[in-house]
């Protein structure tokens, strides 16, 4: 029996097309608006129900992150709209001015892609966090153990270790 309207029955072919579109940069929202694709509720149900689709989707998002990485260079190097001709309202003369709107949009496009890259492929594109535990001289951290009784005595009676005098 042929389906009428949007597909709601999962097929490998539809899943593959969705993932191919995601890998080249389309969003799930854009894809689900197409007539020959399932609506977004069906898409998310399929993700929950079909392990193979969930795995393909995860790989497609990683590929999309790599694509965004390539786009960053293109966006940063594209200077076509950086300058715009404007008219001085008082004199009527034209002049060339920096197109701050276009530059702002380019910055937003770069930052959005960088953020998404870090979320979808964090090991490669995420912010590196390096936690290093060492003493002030760069050596290993030394731990001192004391009994609860010693700690209590120190706190209650202010019997601290003798301070070195300079």
N, C-alpha and C. Protein backbone atom coordinates (compact mmCIF):
# COMPACT_ATOMS: atom_id res chain seq x y z
N UNK A 1 0.84 -1.18 0.00
CA UNK A 1 0.00 0.00 0.00
C UNK A 1 0.89 1.24 0.00
N UNK A 2 0.69 2.13 -0.93
CA UNK A 2 1.50 3.35 -1.06
C UNK A 2 1.03 4.39 -0.05
N UNK A 3 2.02 5.09 0.51
CA UNK A 3 1.67 6.16 1.46
C UNK A 3 1.25 7.40 0.71
N UNK A 4 0.30 8.11 1.26
CA UNK A 4 -0.14 9.37 0.69
C UNK A 4 0.42 10.48 1.59
N UNK A 5 0.97 11.52 0.98
CA UNK A 5 1.54 12.62 1.75
C UNK A 5 2.95 12.32 2.21
N UNK A 6 3.29 12.83 3.36
CA UNK A 6 4.64 12.66 3.90
C UNK A 6 4.88 11.21 4.31
N UNK A 7 6.12 10.72 4.09
CA UNK A 7 6.40 9.34 4.51
C UNK A 7 6.46 9.25 6.04
N UNK A 8 5.83 8.22 6.59
CA UNK A 8 5.90 8.00 8.03
C UNK A 8 6.41 6.61 8.34
N UNK A 9 6.61 5.81 7.30
CA UNK A 9 7.18 4.48 7.47
C UNK A 9 8.68 4.58 7.24
N UNK A 10 9.44 4.09 8.20
CA UNK A 10 10.89 4.14 8.12
C UNK A 10 11.39 3.26 6.99
N UNK A 11 12.28 3.82 6.18
CA UNK A 11 13.00 3.02 5.18
C UNK A 11 14.47 3.42 5.22
N UNK A 12 15.33 2.50 4.87
CA UNK A 12 16.77 2.76 4.85
C UNK A 12 17.07 3.87 3.83
N UNK A 13 16.35 3.89 2.73
CA UNK A 13 16.58 4.90 1.68
C UNK A 13 16.30 6.31 2.20
N UNK A 14 15.19 6.47 2.90
CA UNK A 14 14.86 7.80 3.44
C UNK A 14 15.88 8.18 4.51
N UNK A 15 16.22 7.24 5.37
CA UNK A 15 17.21 7.51 6.42
C UNK A 15 18.54 7.93 5.81
N UNK A 16 18.97 7.22 4.76
CA UNK A 16 20.23 7.56 4.10
C UNK A 16 20.18 8.96 3.49
N UNK A 17 19.06 9.31 2.85
CA UNK A 17 18.96 10.64 2.25
C UNK A 17 18.99 11.74 3.32
N UNK A 18 18.30 11.51 4.41
CA UNK A 18 18.31 12.48 5.51
C UNK A 18 19.74 12.68 5.99
N UNK A 19 20.45 11.60 6.23
CA UNK A 19 21.82 11.70 6.76
C UNK A 19 22.78 12.32 5.76
N UNK A 20 22.59 12.03 4.47
CA UNK A 20 23.42 12.67 3.45
C UNK A 20 23.19 14.18 3.43
N UNK A 21 21.95 14.58 3.56
CA UNK A 21 21.63 16.02 3.58
C UNK A 21 22.23 16.70 4.82
N UNK A 22 22.15 16.03 5.95
CA UNK A 22 22.73 16.58 7.18
C UNK A 22 24.24 16.73 7.02
N UNK A 23 24.88 15.71 6.46
CA UNK A 23 26.34 15.72 6.31
C UNK A 23 26.82 16.89 5.45
N UNK A 24 26.00 17.34 4.50
CA UNK A 24 26.42 18.47 3.66
C UNK A 24 25.92 19.81 4.19
N UNK A 25 25.39 19.82 5.42
CA UNK A 25 25.11 21.09 6.07
C UNK A 25 23.65 21.47 6.25
N UNK A 26 22.72 20.67 5.75
CA UNK A 26 21.31 21.01 5.94
C UNK A 26 20.90 20.68 7.37
N UNK A 27 19.94 21.43 7.88
CA UNK A 27 19.45 21.17 9.23
C UNK A 27 18.28 20.19 9.17
N UNK A 28 18.04 19.54 10.29
CA UNK A 28 16.89 18.63 10.39
C UNK A 28 15.61 19.40 10.08
N UNK A 29 15.51 20.61 10.57
CA UNK A 29 14.32 21.43 10.33
C UNK A 29 14.11 21.66 8.84
N UNK A 30 15.19 22.03 8.12
CA UNK A 30 15.08 22.25 6.67
C UNK A 30 14.65 20.98 5.96
N UNK A 31 15.24 19.88 6.33
CA UNK A 31 14.95 18.60 5.68
C UNK A 31 13.50 18.19 5.92
N UNK A 32 13.05 18.33 7.15
CA UNK A 32 11.69 17.89 7.50
C UNK A 32 10.61 18.78 6.91
N UNK A 33 10.97 19.95 6.40
CA UNK A 33 10.00 20.80 5.72
C UNK A 33 9.77 20.36 4.27
N UNK A 34 10.66 19.52 3.74
CA UNK A 34 10.51 19.05 2.36
C UNK A 34 9.34 18.08 2.27
N UNK A 35 8.65 18.14 1.15
CA UNK A 35 7.45 17.33 0.97
C UNK A 35 7.71 15.83 0.99
N UNK A 36 8.86 15.40 0.48
CA UNK A 36 9.14 13.98 0.38
C UNK A 36 9.85 13.43 1.63
N UNK A 37 9.88 14.22 2.69
CA UNK A 37 10.54 13.82 3.93
C UNK A 37 9.52 13.74 5.06
N UNK A 38 9.85 12.94 6.09
CA UNK A 38 8.94 12.88 7.25
C UNK A 38 8.94 14.20 8.00
N UNK A 39 7.88 14.44 8.76
CA UNK A 39 7.88 15.65 9.57
C UNK A 39 8.85 15.46 10.73
N UNK A 40 9.13 16.53 11.46
CA UNK A 40 10.17 16.46 12.49
C UNK A 40 9.79 15.51 13.63
N UNK A 41 8.52 15.41 13.98
CA UNK A 41 8.12 14.49 15.04
C UNK A 41 8.44 13.05 14.63
N UNK A 42 8.16 12.71 13.38
CA UNK A 42 8.46 11.36 12.88
C UNK A 42 9.96 11.14 12.87
N UNK A 43 10.72 12.14 12.44
CA UNK A 43 12.18 12.04 12.43
C UNK A 43 12.71 11.67 13.81
N UNK A 44 12.26 12.40 14.85
CA UNK A 44 12.76 12.16 16.20
C UNK A 44 12.27 10.83 16.75
N UNK A 45 11.09 10.39 16.37
CA UNK A 45 10.62 9.05 16.76
C UNK A 45 11.53 7.98 16.16
N UNK A 46 11.91 8.17 14.88
CA UNK A 46 12.81 7.22 14.22
C UNK A 46 14.16 7.17 14.93
N UNK A 47 14.66 8.32 15.36
CA UNK A 47 15.94 8.34 16.07
C UNK A 47 15.88 7.49 17.34
N UNK A 48 14.75 7.58 18.04
CA UNK A 48 14.60 6.80 19.27
C UNK A 48 14.40 5.31 18.98
N UNK A 49 13.75 5.01 17.89
CA UNK A 49 13.34 3.63 17.61
C UNK A 49 14.39 2.81 16.87
N UNK A 50 15.16 3.42 15.96
CA UNK A 50 16.05 2.66 15.09
C UNK A 50 17.52 2.97 15.39
N UNK A 51 18.20 1.99 15.97
CA UNK A 51 19.61 2.15 16.34
C UNK A 51 20.47 2.49 15.12
N UNK A 52 20.21 1.82 13.99
CA UNK A 52 21.03 2.05 12.79
C UNK A 52 20.87 3.50 12.31
N UNK A 53 19.67 4.04 12.41
CA UNK A 53 19.43 5.43 12.01
C UNK A 53 20.14 6.39 12.97
N UNK A 54 20.07 6.08 14.25
CA UNK A 54 20.73 6.93 15.26
C UNK A 54 22.24 6.95 15.01
N UNK A 55 22.82 5.80 14.67
CA UNK A 55 24.26 5.74 14.38
C UNK A 55 24.61 6.52 13.12
N UNK A 56 23.81 6.38 12.08
CA UNK A 56 24.05 7.13 10.83
C UNK A 56 23.93 8.63 11.07
N UNK A 57 22.94 9.01 11.87
CA UNK A 57 22.72 10.42 12.20
C UNK A 57 23.94 10.98 12.94
N UNK A 58 24.46 10.23 13.91
CA UNK A 58 25.64 10.69 14.68
C UNK A 58 26.84 10.88 13.74
N UNK A 59 27.05 9.95 12.82
CA UNK A 59 28.16 10.08 11.86
C UNK A 59 27.92 11.26 10.92
N UNK A 60 26.67 11.47 10.53
CA UNK A 60 26.35 12.60 9.65
C UNK A 60 26.62 13.93 10.35
N UNK A 61 26.32 14.03 11.64
CA UNK A 61 26.60 15.27 12.39
C UNK A 61 28.10 15.50 12.50
N UNK A 62 28.89 14.45 12.64
CA UNK A 62 30.34 14.59 12.67
C UNK A 62 30.86 15.07 11.31
N UNK A 63 30.30 14.52 10.24
CA UNK A 63 30.70 14.95 8.90
C UNK A 63 30.29 16.41 8.67
N UNK A 64 29.14 16.78 9.21
CA UNK A 64 28.69 18.17 9.10
C UNK A 64 29.67 19.10 9.80
N UNK A 65 30.19 18.69 10.93
CA UNK A 65 31.18 19.50 11.65
C UNK A 65 32.43 19.72 10.79
N UNK A 66 32.87 18.66 10.11
CA UNK A 66 34.02 18.80 9.22
C UNK A 66 33.71 19.75 8.07
N UNK A 67 32.50 19.67 7.55
CA UNK A 67 32.10 20.58 6.47
C UNK A 67 32.10 22.03 6.96
N UNK A 68 31.57 22.24 8.15
CA UNK A 68 31.57 23.59 8.71
C UNK A 68 32.99 24.11 8.87
N UNK A 69 33.92 23.24 9.22
CA UNK A 69 35.31 23.64 9.34
C UNK A 69 35.82 24.20 8.01
N UNK A 70 35.48 23.55 6.92
CA UNK A 70 35.88 24.04 5.59
C UNK A 70 35.20 25.37 5.27
N UNK A 71 33.94 25.50 5.67
CA UNK A 71 33.20 26.74 5.39
C UNK A 71 33.78 27.93 6.14
N UNK A 72 34.37 27.70 7.31
CA UNK A 72 34.94 28.80 8.08
C UNK A 72 35.96 29.57 7.25
N UNK A 73 36.79 28.85 6.53
CA UNK A 73 37.82 29.49 5.70
C UNK A 73 37.16 30.31 4.60
N UNK A 74 36.16 29.74 3.95
CA UNK A 74 35.46 30.44 2.88
C UNK A 74 34.80 31.72 3.39
N UNK A 75 34.12 31.62 4.52
CA UNK A 75 33.43 32.79 5.08
C UNK A 75 34.45 33.87 5.45
N UNK A 76 35.53 33.46 6.11
CA UNK A 76 36.54 34.42 6.55
C UNK A 76 37.23 35.09 5.37
N UNK A 77 37.43 34.36 4.28
CA UNK A 77 38.14 34.91 3.11
C UNK A 77 37.25 35.68 2.15
N UNK A 78 35.94 35.55 2.28
CA UNK A 78 35.01 36.20 1.36
C UNK A 78 34.84 37.67 1.74
N UNK A 79 35.40 38.55 0.93
CA UNK A 79 35.34 39.99 1.23
C UNK A 79 34.41 40.74 0.27
N UNK A 80 33.60 40.01 -0.49
CA UNK A 80 32.76 40.64 -1.51
C UNK A 80 31.82 41.72 -0.97
N UNK A 81 31.29 41.53 0.22
CA UNK A 81 30.32 42.50 0.75
C UNK A 81 30.86 43.34 1.90
N UNK A 82 32.18 43.38 2.04
CA UNK A 82 32.77 44.13 3.16
C UNK A 82 32.60 45.64 3.02
N UNK A 83 32.49 46.11 1.79
CA UNK A 83 32.36 47.55 1.54
C UNK A 83 31.08 47.80 0.76
N UNK A 84 30.48 48.94 1.02
CA UNK A 84 29.21 49.27 0.37
C UNK A 84 29.21 50.75 -0.02
N UNK A 85 28.54 51.05 -1.12
CA UNK A 85 28.43 52.45 -1.55
C UNK A 85 27.26 53.08 -0.82
N UNK A 86 27.51 54.23 -0.23
CA UNK A 86 26.47 54.96 0.51
C UNK A 86 26.36 56.38 -0.04
N UNK A 87 25.28 57.01 0.32
CA UNK A 87 25.07 58.40 -0.12
C UNK A 87 25.01 59.30 1.10
N UNK A 88 25.76 60.40 1.03
CA UNK A 88 25.71 61.41 2.08
C UNK A 88 24.40 62.15 1.91
N UNK A 89 23.51 62.09 2.89
CA UNK A 89 22.17 62.69 2.76
C UNK A 89 22.22 64.21 2.67
N UNK A 90 23.22 64.79 3.26
CA UNK A 90 23.33 66.25 3.24
C UNK A 90 23.84 66.75 1.89
N UNK A 91 24.89 66.10 1.38
CA UNK A 91 25.51 66.61 0.15
C UNK A 91 25.07 65.84 -1.10
N UNK A 92 24.54 64.64 -0.93
CA UNK A 92 24.16 63.83 -2.08
C UNK A 92 25.32 63.08 -2.70
N UNK A 93 26.51 63.29 -2.21
CA UNK A 93 27.68 62.61 -2.76
C UNK A 93 27.71 61.17 -2.26
N UNK A 94 28.29 60.29 -3.08
CA UNK A 94 28.44 58.90 -2.68
C UNK A 94 29.84 58.65 -2.14
N UNK A 95 29.93 57.68 -1.27
CA UNK A 95 31.21 57.31 -0.69
C UNK A 95 31.18 55.82 -0.39
N UNK A 96 32.35 55.25 -0.19
CA UNK A 96 32.47 53.83 0.14
C UNK A 96 32.63 53.72 1.65
N UNK A 97 31.83 52.83 2.26
CA UNK A 97 31.86 52.65 3.72
C UNK A 97 31.95 51.17 4.06
N UNK A 98 32.47 50.92 5.22
CA UNK A 98 32.54 49.56 5.73
C UNK A 98 31.12 49.05 5.95
N UNK A 99 30.82 47.86 5.45
CA UNK A 99 29.49 47.27 5.59
C UNK A 99 29.44 46.45 6.88
N UNK A 100 29.15 47.12 7.98
CA UNK A 100 29.18 46.48 9.29
C UNK A 100 28.13 45.38 9.41
N UNK A 101 27.01 45.53 8.72
CA UNK A 101 25.98 44.49 8.77
C UNK A 101 26.50 43.18 8.16
N UNK A 102 27.16 43.27 7.00
CA UNK A 102 27.70 42.08 6.35
C UNK A 102 28.81 41.46 7.20
N UNK A 103 29.66 42.29 7.78
CA UNK A 103 30.74 41.77 8.63
C UNK A 103 30.17 41.11 9.89
N UNK A 104 29.14 41.71 10.46
CA UNK A 104 28.49 41.12 11.63
C UNK A 104 27.86 39.78 11.30
N UNK A 105 27.23 39.70 10.14
CA UNK A 105 26.62 38.43 9.71
C UNK A 105 27.70 37.37 9.50
N UNK A 106 28.81 37.73 8.88
CA UNK A 106 29.90 36.78 8.66
C UNK A 106 30.45 36.28 10.00
N UNK A 107 30.60 37.18 10.95
CA UNK A 107 31.09 36.79 12.27
C UNK A 107 30.11 35.83 12.94
N UNK A 108 28.82 36.11 12.83
CA UNK A 108 27.80 35.24 13.40
C UNK A 108 27.85 33.85 12.74
N UNK A 109 28.01 33.81 11.43
CA UNK A 109 28.09 32.54 10.71
C UNK A 109 29.30 31.73 11.18
N UNK A 110 30.43 32.40 11.35
CA UNK A 110 31.64 31.71 11.81
C UNK A 110 31.44 31.20 13.24
N UNK A 111 30.98 32.05 14.14
CA UNK A 111 30.83 31.66 15.54
C UNK A 111 29.81 30.54 15.70
N UNK A 112 28.71 30.58 14.94
CA UNK A 112 27.70 29.52 15.02
C UNK A 112 28.29 28.19 14.58
N UNK A 113 29.01 28.20 13.49
CA UNK A 113 29.62 26.97 12.99
C UNK A 113 30.67 26.44 13.98
N UNK A 114 31.47 27.33 14.54
CA UNK A 114 32.48 26.89 15.51
C UNK A 114 31.81 26.24 16.72
N UNK A 115 30.72 26.83 17.19
CA UNK A 115 30.01 26.30 18.35
C UNK A 115 29.44 24.92 18.02
N UNK A 116 28.80 24.80 16.85
CA UNK A 116 28.23 23.51 16.45
C UNK A 116 29.32 22.46 16.26
N UNK A 117 30.44 22.85 15.67
CA UNK A 117 31.54 21.92 15.48
C UNK A 117 32.00 21.35 16.82
N UNK A 118 32.13 22.23 17.80
CA UNK A 118 32.56 21.80 19.12
C UNK A 118 31.57 20.87 19.79
N UNK A 119 30.29 21.03 19.48
CA UNK A 119 29.27 20.16 20.07
C UNK A 119 29.19 18.81 19.36
N UNK A 120 29.32 18.80 18.05
CA UNK A 120 29.14 17.57 17.29
C UNK A 120 30.42 16.75 17.12
N UNK A 121 31.56 17.38 17.30
CA UNK A 121 32.83 16.65 17.20
C UNK A 121 33.80 17.26 18.22
N UNK A 122 33.47 17.11 19.51
CA UNK A 122 34.22 17.82 20.55
C UNK A 122 35.69 17.43 20.67
N UNK A 123 36.02 16.18 20.40
CA UNK A 123 37.43 15.78 20.53
C UNK A 123 38.29 16.51 19.51
N UNK A 124 37.74 16.79 18.36
CA UNK A 124 38.51 17.45 17.31
C UNK A 124 38.36 18.97 17.35
N UNK A 125 37.14 19.46 17.60
CA UNK A 125 36.88 20.90 17.49
C UNK A 125 36.48 21.58 18.80
N UNK A 126 36.35 20.82 19.87
CA UNK A 126 35.94 21.41 21.14
C UNK A 126 37.07 22.20 21.78
N UNK A 127 36.72 23.02 22.73
CA UNK A 127 37.72 23.77 23.47
C UNK A 127 38.52 22.81 24.33
N UNK A 128 39.83 22.91 24.27
CA UNK A 128 40.69 22.04 25.06
C UNK A 128 40.73 22.54 26.50
N UNK A 129 40.53 21.63 27.41
CA UNK A 129 40.62 21.95 28.83
C UNK A 129 41.75 21.11 29.39
N UNK A 130 42.76 21.78 29.91
CA UNK A 130 43.92 21.07 30.44
C UNK A 130 44.01 21.34 31.93
N UNK A 131 43.64 20.35 32.71
CA UNK A 131 43.73 20.49 34.16
C UNK A 131 45.01 19.82 34.60
N UNK A 132 45.88 20.59 35.20
CA UNK A 132 47.17 20.06 35.64
C UNK A 132 47.27 20.29 37.14
N UNK A 133 47.51 19.23 37.86
CA UNK A 133 47.64 19.34 39.30
C UNK A 133 49.12 19.28 39.65
N UNK A 134 49.63 20.35 40.24
CA UNK A 134 51.03 20.38 40.66
C UNK A 134 51.19 21.37 41.80
N UNK A 135 52.30 21.24 42.48
CA UNK A 135 52.58 22.21 43.54
C UNK A 135 53.08 23.51 42.90
N UNK A 136 53.26 24.56 43.68
CA UNK A 136 53.68 25.84 43.10
C UNK A 136 54.97 25.79 42.29
N UNK A 137 55.84 24.79 42.61
CA UNK A 137 57.10 24.66 41.87
C UNK A 137 56.98 23.76 40.65
N UNK A 138 55.78 23.25 40.38
CA UNK A 138 55.57 22.39 39.22
C UNK A 138 55.74 20.92 39.51
N UNK A 139 56.05 20.59 40.75
CA UNK A 139 56.23 19.18 41.12
C UNK A 139 54.92 18.53 41.48
N UNK A 140 54.97 17.26 41.86
CA UNK A 140 53.74 16.56 42.23
C UNK A 140 53.14 17.15 43.51
N UNK A 141 51.84 17.08 43.62
CA UNK A 141 51.15 17.57 44.80
C UNK A 141 51.40 16.59 45.94
N UNK A 142 51.78 17.11 47.10
CA UNK A 142 52.04 16.27 48.27
C UNK A 142 50.84 16.38 49.21
N UNK A 143 50.39 15.23 49.68
CA UNK A 143 49.25 15.20 50.58
C UNK A 143 49.73 14.84 51.97
N UNK A 144 49.12 15.49 52.93
CA UNK A 144 49.46 15.24 54.32
C UNK A 144 48.21 14.68 54.98
N UNK A 145 48.37 13.61 55.71
CA UNK A 145 47.21 13.04 56.40
C UNK A 145 47.34 13.29 57.89
N UNK A 146 46.20 13.57 58.49
CA UNK A 146 46.14 13.77 59.94
C UNK A 146 44.88 13.09 60.45
N UNK A 147 44.93 12.71 61.67
CA UNK A 147 43.76 12.06 62.26
C UNK A 147 42.71 13.11 62.57
N UNK A 148 41.51 12.66 62.75
CA UNK A 148 40.40 13.56 63.09
C UNK A 148 40.68 14.25 64.42
N UNK A 149 41.31 13.51 65.33
CA UNK A 149 41.64 14.09 66.63
C UNK A 149 42.64 15.24 66.48
N UNK A 150 43.66 15.04 65.65
CA UNK A 150 44.65 16.11 65.42
C UNK A 150 43.99 17.33 64.78
N UNK A 151 43.11 17.07 63.81
CA UNK A 151 42.41 18.19 63.15
C UNK A 151 41.55 18.95 64.14
N UNK A 152 40.81 18.22 64.95
CA UNK A 152 39.92 18.85 65.93
C UNK A 152 40.74 19.69 66.91
N UNK A 153 41.85 19.15 67.38
CA UNK A 153 42.70 19.88 68.31
C UNK A 153 43.21 21.17 67.66
N UNK A 154 43.61 21.06 66.39
CA UNK A 154 44.13 22.24 65.68
C UNK A 154 43.06 23.31 65.52
N UNK A 155 41.86 22.88 65.20
CA UNK A 155 40.76 23.83 64.98
C UNK A 155 40.30 24.44 66.29
N UNK A 156 40.06 23.58 67.28
CA UNK A 156 39.51 24.06 68.55
C UNK A 156 40.50 24.85 69.37
N UNK A 157 41.73 24.44 69.38
CA UNK A 157 42.71 25.07 70.24
C UNK A 157 43.73 25.89 69.50
N UNK A 158 43.51 26.05 68.18
CA UNK A 158 44.40 26.82 67.36
C UNK A 158 45.84 26.40 67.54
N UNK A 159 46.01 25.11 67.60
CA UNK A 159 47.35 24.55 67.75
C UNK A 159 47.82 24.18 66.36
N UNK A 160 48.29 25.13 65.66
CA UNK A 160 48.76 24.90 64.31
C UNK A 160 50.20 24.46 64.35
N UNK A 161 50.64 23.98 63.23
CA UNK A 161 52.04 23.60 63.14
C UNK A 161 52.89 24.84 63.33
N UNK A 162 54.03 24.66 63.91
CA UNK A 162 54.91 25.83 64.11
C UNK A 162 55.24 26.48 62.78
N UNK A 163 55.15 27.79 62.76
CA UNK A 163 55.44 28.56 61.56
C UNK A 163 56.94 28.83 61.49
N UNK A 164 57.48 28.73 60.29
CA UNK A 164 58.88 29.06 60.10
C UNK A 164 59.04 30.56 60.20
N UNK A 165 60.07 30.96 60.92
CA UNK A 165 60.36 32.40 61.01
C UNK A 165 61.39 32.75 59.99
N UNK A 166 61.20 33.91 59.39
CA UNK A 166 62.13 34.36 58.35
C UNK A 166 63.41 34.88 58.93
